N, C-alpha and C. Protein backbone atom coordinates (compact mmCIF):
# COMPACT_ATOMS: atom_id res chain seq x y z
N MET A 1 -38.43 34.55 64.73
CA MET A 1 -37.40 33.63 65.23
C MET A 1 -36.42 33.55 64.09
N SER A 2 -35.06 33.92 64.13
CA SER A 2 -33.95 34.33 63.37
C SER A 2 -32.63 33.58 63.69
N GLY A 3 -31.96 33.58 63.21
CA GLY A 3 -30.53 32.32 63.53
C GLY A 3 -30.67 31.09 62.70
N PRO A 4 -29.00 30.50 62.59
CA PRO A 4 -29.22 28.91 62.61
C PRO A 4 -29.59 28.55 63.21
N THR A 5 -30.16 28.41 64.15
CA THR A 5 -31.16 27.26 64.95
C THR A 5 -32.17 27.38 65.01
N ALA A 6 -33.33 28.65 64.18
CA ALA A 6 -34.64 28.47 64.08
C ALA A 6 -35.03 27.78 62.86
N VAL A 7 -35.97 27.19 63.26
CA VAL A 7 -36.92 26.42 62.41
C VAL A 7 -37.67 27.44 61.14
N SER A 8 -37.70 27.14 60.00
CA SER A 8 -37.98 28.20 59.12
C SER A 8 -39.42 28.24 58.69
N LYS A 9 -40.17 29.23 58.97
CA LYS A 9 -41.36 29.00 58.30
C LYS A 9 -41.70 28.21 57.15
N THR A 10 -41.03 27.74 56.15
CA THR A 10 -40.68 27.39 54.67
C THR A 10 -41.42 25.71 55.28
N ALA A 11 -40.45 25.60 56.50
CA ALA A 11 -40.30 24.18 56.71
C ALA A 11 -41.77 23.97 57.71
N ILE A 12 -42.02 24.40 58.60
CA ILE A 12 -43.53 24.66 58.99
C ILE A 12 -44.36 24.75 58.78
N ALA A 13 -44.35 25.71 57.37
CA ALA A 13 -45.11 25.91 56.69
C ALA A 13 -45.77 24.53 55.89
N CYS A 14 -44.48 23.84 55.02
CA CYS A 14 -44.21 22.44 54.39
C CYS A 14 -45.10 21.00 55.37
N LEU A 15 -45.03 21.50 56.39
CA LEU A 15 -45.36 19.82 57.56
C LEU A 15 -46.77 20.29 57.66
N TRP A 16 -46.96 21.29 57.60
CA TRP A 16 -48.52 21.44 57.68
C TRP A 16 -49.26 21.19 56.96
N LEU A 17 -49.07 21.93 55.41
CA LEU A 17 -49.83 21.41 54.60
C LEU A 17 -49.46 19.89 53.93
N GLN A 18 -48.40 19.54 54.60
CA GLN A 18 -48.51 17.69 54.39
C GLN A 18 -49.77 16.46 55.70
N HIS A 19 -50.04 17.71 56.10
CA HIS A 19 -51.20 17.11 56.93
C HIS A 19 -52.47 17.73 56.75
N SER A 20 -52.37 18.87 56.14
CA SER A 20 -53.76 19.67 56.08
C SER A 20 -55.00 19.01 54.99
N SER A 21 -54.56 18.01 54.20
CA SER A 21 -55.62 17.31 53.28
C SER A 21 -56.27 15.92 54.17
N ARG A 22 -55.78 15.89 55.56
CA ARG A 22 -55.91 15.06 56.44
C ARG A 22 -57.70 15.38 57.47
N TRP A 23 -57.68 16.67 57.21
CA TRP A 23 -58.56 17.40 58.35
C TRP A 23 -59.87 17.59 57.31
N GLY A 24 -60.04 17.35 55.80
CA GLY A 24 -61.00 17.13 54.87
C GLY A 24 -62.12 16.52 55.44
N PRO A 25 -63.43 17.61 55.16
CA PRO A 25 -64.28 16.52 55.74
C PRO A 25 -64.81 15.77 54.73
N LEU A 26 -64.08 15.11 53.32
CA LEU A 26 -64.42 14.00 52.54
C LEU A 26 -63.85 13.34 52.90
N GLN A 27 -63.00 13.20 53.83
CA GLN A 27 -61.87 11.54 54.29
C GLN A 27 -62.92 11.07 55.46
N ARG A 28 -63.25 10.18 55.49
CA ARG A 28 -63.98 9.70 56.39
C ARG A 28 -63.48 8.45 57.40
N GLY A 29 -62.47 8.24 58.35
CA GLY A 29 -62.22 6.78 58.19
C GLY A 29 -61.22 7.60 59.44
N SER A 30 -60.53 6.30 60.02
CA SER A 30 -59.21 6.53 60.86
C SER A 30 -58.01 7.52 60.73
N ASP A 31 -58.01 7.33 59.05
CA ASP A 31 -56.83 8.54 58.80
C ASP A 31 -56.97 10.18 59.32
N ARG A 32 -57.94 10.38 59.45
CA ARG A 32 -58.04 12.07 60.23
C ARG A 32 -57.37 11.85 61.22
N ILE A 33 -56.65 13.29 61.51
CA ILE A 33 -56.00 13.43 62.64
C ILE A 33 -56.33 14.92 62.95
N VAL A 34 -56.69 15.15 64.51
CA VAL A 34 -57.54 16.36 64.81
C VAL A 34 -56.08 17.67 64.90
N PRO A 35 -56.41 18.29 64.35
CA PRO A 35 -55.39 19.77 64.12
C PRO A 35 -54.43 20.22 65.47
N ALA A 36 -55.10 20.08 66.87
CA ALA A 36 -54.42 19.99 67.92
C ALA A 36 -52.99 18.75 68.04
N GLU A 37 -53.35 17.97 67.56
CA GLU A 37 -52.31 16.35 67.95
C GLU A 37 -51.46 16.85 67.22
N PHE A 38 -51.87 17.25 65.80
CA PHE A 38 -50.69 17.26 65.02
C PHE A 38 -49.93 18.53 65.53
N ALA A 39 -50.73 20.14 66.16
CA ALA A 39 -49.80 20.88 66.44
C ALA A 39 -48.90 20.61 67.67
N VAL A 40 -49.28 19.86 68.50
CA VAL A 40 -47.61 18.74 69.42
C VAL A 40 -46.66 19.63 68.74
N TYR A 41 -46.70 18.39 67.61
CA TYR A 41 -45.62 18.14 66.67
C TYR A 41 -44.52 19.54 66.63
N LEU A 42 -45.64 20.32 65.85
CA LEU A 42 -44.80 21.40 65.85
C LEU A 42 -44.11 22.58 66.74
N PHE A 43 -44.86 21.94 68.05
CA PHE A 43 -44.30 22.77 68.95
C PHE A 43 -43.33 22.21 69.68
N LEU A 44 -43.19 21.33 69.54
CA LEU A 44 -41.86 20.48 69.81
C LEU A 44 -40.79 20.70 69.05
N ILE A 45 -40.89 20.86 67.74
CA ILE A 45 -39.91 21.34 66.55
C ILE A 45 -39.41 22.37 66.86
N THR A 46 -40.48 23.47 67.13
CA THR A 46 -40.25 24.67 67.06
C THR A 46 -39.29 25.04 69.02
N LEU A 47 -39.68 24.31 70.06
CA LEU A 47 -38.94 24.45 70.98
C LEU A 47 -37.24 23.91 70.88
N TYR A 48 -37.61 22.60 70.70
CA TYR A 48 -36.29 22.24 69.94
C TYR A 48 -35.73 22.03 68.68
N PRO A 49 -35.15 22.94 68.16
CA PRO A 49 -35.06 23.25 66.77
C PRO A 49 -33.80 22.55 66.02
N LEU A 50 -32.81 21.70 67.03
CA LEU A 50 -31.68 21.31 66.60
C LEU A 50 -31.80 19.79 67.01
N THR A 51 -33.11 19.10 67.32
CA THR A 51 -32.95 18.18 67.50
C THR A 51 -35.10 17.65 67.08
N LEU A 52 -35.15 16.35 66.71
CA LEU A 52 -36.20 15.80 66.38
C LEU A 52 -36.66 14.65 67.44
N LEU A 53 -35.86 14.60 68.49
CA LEU A 53 -35.92 13.32 69.53
C LEU A 53 -37.02 13.63 69.93
N PRO A 54 -37.30 14.50 70.53
CA PRO A 54 -38.50 15.30 71.43
C PRO A 54 -40.23 14.59 70.84
N ALA A 55 -40.11 15.04 69.20
CA ALA A 55 -41.00 14.78 68.30
C ALA A 55 -41.27 13.21 68.36
N SER A 56 -40.09 12.85 68.21
CA SER A 56 -39.94 10.68 67.39
C SER A 56 -40.28 10.36 69.50
N LEU A 57 -40.05 10.96 70.12
CA LEU A 57 -40.67 10.36 71.19
C LEU A 57 -41.52 10.01 71.50
N LEU A 58 -42.19 11.56 71.50
CA LEU A 58 -43.38 11.42 71.51
C LEU A 58 -44.34 10.33 70.63
N GLY A 59 -44.01 10.53 69.73
CA GLY A 59 -44.80 9.34 68.37
C GLY A 59 -44.69 7.75 68.69
N LEU A 60 -43.08 7.58 69.51
CA LEU A 60 -42.93 6.49 69.84
C LEU A 60 -43.81 5.60 71.13
N SER A 61 -43.53 6.76 72.00
CA SER A 61 -44.99 6.41 72.96
C SER A 61 -46.03 6.29 73.01
N ILE A 62 -46.78 7.33 72.01
CA ILE A 62 -48.27 6.71 71.20
C ILE A 62 -48.46 5.46 71.16
N THR A 63 -47.72 5.32 69.70
CA THR A 63 -47.52 3.97 68.72
C THR A 63 -47.56 2.71 70.00
N VAL A 64 -46.58 2.75 70.97
CA VAL A 64 -46.37 1.64 71.76
C VAL A 64 -47.57 1.51 72.75
N SER A 65 -48.00 2.74 73.12
CA SER A 65 -49.28 2.63 74.15
C SER A 65 -50.37 2.04 73.53
N THR A 66 -50.60 2.58 72.08
CA THR A 66 -51.27 1.91 71.39
C THR A 66 -51.25 0.08 70.92
N VAL A 67 -50.74 0.21 70.76
CA VAL A 67 -50.25 -1.36 70.65
C VAL A 67 -50.35 -2.39 71.72
N LEU A 68 -49.79 -1.75 73.45
CA LEU A 68 -49.86 -2.08 74.30
C LEU A 68 -51.58 -2.17 74.44
N ALA A 69 -52.16 -1.54 74.60
CA ALA A 69 -53.50 -1.11 75.08
C ALA A 69 -54.49 -1.67 74.10
N SER A 70 -53.98 -2.29 72.78
CA SER A 70 -55.13 -2.57 71.86
C SER A 70 -56.06 -4.00 71.68
N THR A 71 -55.77 -5.01 72.45
CA THR A 71 -56.02 -6.46 72.88
C THR A 71 -57.07 -5.93 73.80
N SER A 72 -56.85 -4.84 75.10
CA SER A 72 -57.78 -4.71 76.04
C SER A 72 -58.92 -4.11 75.49
N ILE A 73 -58.58 -2.89 75.53
CA ILE A 73 -59.93 -2.44 74.48
C ILE A 73 -60.68 -2.61 73.06
N GLY A 74 -60.17 -3.90 72.32
CA GLY A 74 -60.44 -4.53 71.28
C GLY A 74 -61.80 -5.75 71.99
N HIS A 75 -61.30 -6.45 73.39
CA HIS A 75 -62.11 -6.98 74.06
C HIS A 75 -63.14 -6.42 74.67
N LYS A 76 -63.11 -5.51 75.14
CA LYS A 76 -63.89 -4.20 75.60
C LYS A 76 -65.21 -3.47 74.77
N VAL A 77 -64.70 -3.65 73.33
CA VAL A 77 -65.61 -3.03 71.99
C VAL A 77 -66.29 -4.15 72.07
N ASP A 78 -65.61 -5.59 71.71
CA ASP A 78 -66.17 -6.66 71.75
C ASP A 78 -67.23 -6.98 72.67
N THR A 79 -67.19 -7.14 73.98
CA THR A 79 -68.15 -7.47 75.19
C THR A 79 -69.24 -6.20 75.63
N GLU A 80 -68.54 -4.87 75.51
CA GLU A 80 -69.62 -3.90 75.87
C GLU A 80 -70.21 -2.94 75.03
N HIS A 81 -71.73 -2.87 75.52
CA HIS A 81 -72.30 -1.69 74.56
C HIS A 81 -71.37 -1.09 74.21
N ARG A 82 -71.39 -1.11 72.71
CA ARG A 82 -70.44 -0.11 71.87
C ARG A 82 -70.90 1.09 71.88
N PHE A 83 -71.79 2.08 71.82
CA PHE A 83 -72.25 3.20 71.99
C PHE A 83 -71.69 4.14 73.54
N LEU A 84 -71.86 2.87 74.34
CA LEU A 84 -71.54 3.62 75.65
C LEU A 84 -69.89 3.74 75.73
N PHE A 85 -69.41 2.46 75.37
CA PHE A 85 -68.26 2.54 75.18
C PHE A 85 -67.41 3.54 74.52
N VAL A 86 -67.80 3.68 73.51
CA VAL A 86 -67.17 4.81 72.71
C VAL A 86 -67.55 6.64 73.46
N ARG A 87 -68.60 6.35 74.31
CA ARG A 87 -68.76 7.49 74.88
C ARG A 87 -67.93 7.61 75.88
N LYS A 88 -67.43 6.74 76.46
CA LYS A 88 -66.60 6.49 77.81
C LYS A 88 -65.27 6.64 77.20
N LEU A 89 -64.94 6.33 76.18
CA LEU A 89 -63.04 6.58 75.97
C LEU A 89 -63.21 8.01 75.03
N VAL A 90 -64.50 8.85 74.31
CA VAL A 90 -63.84 10.34 74.20
C VAL A 90 -64.03 10.93 75.27
N VAL A 91 -64.54 10.86 76.44
CA VAL A 91 -64.58 11.18 78.02
C VAL A 91 -63.35 11.23 78.00
N ILE A 92 -62.48 9.66 78.02
CA ILE A 92 -61.05 9.92 78.58
C ILE A 92 -60.55 10.25 77.69
N GLN A 93 -60.44 10.61 76.07
CA GLN A 93 -59.84 11.27 75.85
C GLN A 93 -59.24 12.63 75.58
N LYS A 94 -60.91 12.94 76.06
CA LYS A 94 -61.07 14.79 76.32
C LYS A 94 -60.14 15.33 77.55
N ALA A 95 -60.34 14.36 78.84
CA ALA A 95 -59.88 14.57 79.45
C ALA A 95 -57.83 14.31 80.07
N SER A 96 -57.74 12.94 79.19
CA SER A 96 -56.25 13.64 78.86
C SER A 96 -55.41 14.47 78.32
């Protein structure tokens, strides 16, 4: 990639380094991110180098869907057997 519209490799490397600490085995919790999920944003930035709108819209849609689904998912976690419910969610996530 070259030219004024290309995203520099340094910028991609800085973005990767910013998030790489979240993939470590020492951090256990909800702050961890799957490398493939982060790669989607890098692909969008590479495909649309002049704007961050597609990456922003993806992040916004994920956040809005999480907020809208949180009540119903929380209710199901409280009422259903947790292990079976988590297994269902993992299958749904992998399928999507």
